[in-house]
Amino acid sequence: MKGLRVLELSEALNIDSADLLAICTILKCKASSRLSMLSFEECKKITDYYEKNN
C-alpha cells in the first residue's frame, strides 16, 4: 500500500472530503476526487497543515 485515499484521510481527520480536497489544492497535491490516492508524505503534509490551522 502506497498511501491513503482522500476519503480515508478525511475520515481519519474527521473532516469533510471536500475540505480535504481544498487543502490538497492549497498544498499542490495531485488529488482530484475522494478516491484519489495520497502518498504517506502527502498525508503527513496535509495533516500537519490541518493541525496547524485548526
Protein backbone atom coordinates (compact mmCIF):
# COMPACT_ATOMS: atom_id res chain seq x y z
CA MET A 1 0.00 0.00 0.00
CA LYS A 2 1.43 3.35 -1.03
CA GLY A 3 -0.74 5.71 0.99
CA LEU A 4 -4.34 6.61 1.70
CA ARG A 5 -7.29 7.71 -0.37
CA VAL A 6 -8.61 11.23 0.21
CA LEU A 7 -11.75 9.67 1.66
CA GLU A 8 -9.79 7.58 4.18
CA LEU A 9 -7.68 10.52 5.34
CA SER A 10 -10.74 12.77 5.68
CA GLU A 11 -12.39 10.13 7.87
CA ALA A 12 -9.23 9.83 9.98
CA LEU A 13 -9.09 13.61 10.46
CA ASN A 14 -12.88 13.81 10.92
CA ILE A 15 -13.33 16.46 8.22
CA ASP A 16 -15.35 16.58 5.02
CA SER A 17 -13.58 15.18 1.96
CA ALA A 18 -14.35 18.41 0.04
CA ASP A 19 -12.46 20.38 2.71
CA LEU A 20 -9.56 17.96 2.42
CA LEU A 21 -9.53 18.38 -1.36
CA ALA A 22 -9.35 22.15 -0.81
CA ILE A 23 -6.28 21.64 1.39
CA CYS A 24 -4.80 19.44 -1.34
CA THR A 25 -5.26 22.30 -3.80
CA ILE A 26 -3.55 24.75 -1.44
CA LEU A 27 -0.62 22.36 -0.94
CA LYS A 28 -0.49 21.46 -4.66
CA CYS A 29 -1.17 17.75 -4.11
CA LYS A 30 -2.44 15.92 -7.17
CA ALA A 31 -5.81 14.88 -5.77
CA SER A 32 -8.91 15.47 -7.87
CA SER A 33 -11.55 13.32 -6.16
CA ARG A 34 -12.41 11.48 -2.96
CA LEU A 35 -10.87 8.31 -4.41
CA SER A 36 -7.52 9.86 -5.34
CA MET A 37 -4.51 8.22 -3.70
CA LEU A 38 -2.21 10.27 -1.49
CA SER A 39 1.32 9.20 -0.64
CA PHE A 40 2.31 8.95 3.00
CA GLU A 41 4.42 12.11 2.54
CA GLU A 42 1.38 14.00 1.20
CA CYS A 43 -0.75 12.67 4.08
CA LYS A 44 1.81 13.95 6.59
CA LYS A 45 1.98 17.36 4.88
CA ILE A 46 -1.83 17.63 4.80
CA THR A 47 -2.19 16.50 8.42
CA ASP A 48 0.44 18.99 9.60
CA TYR A 49 -1.25 21.81 7.67
CA TYR A 50 -4.68 20.87 9.04
CA GLU A 51 -3.49 20.67 12.65
CA LYS A 52 -1.62 23.98 12.40
CA ASN A 53 -4.65 25.82 11.00
CA ASN A 54 -7.35 24.37 13.27
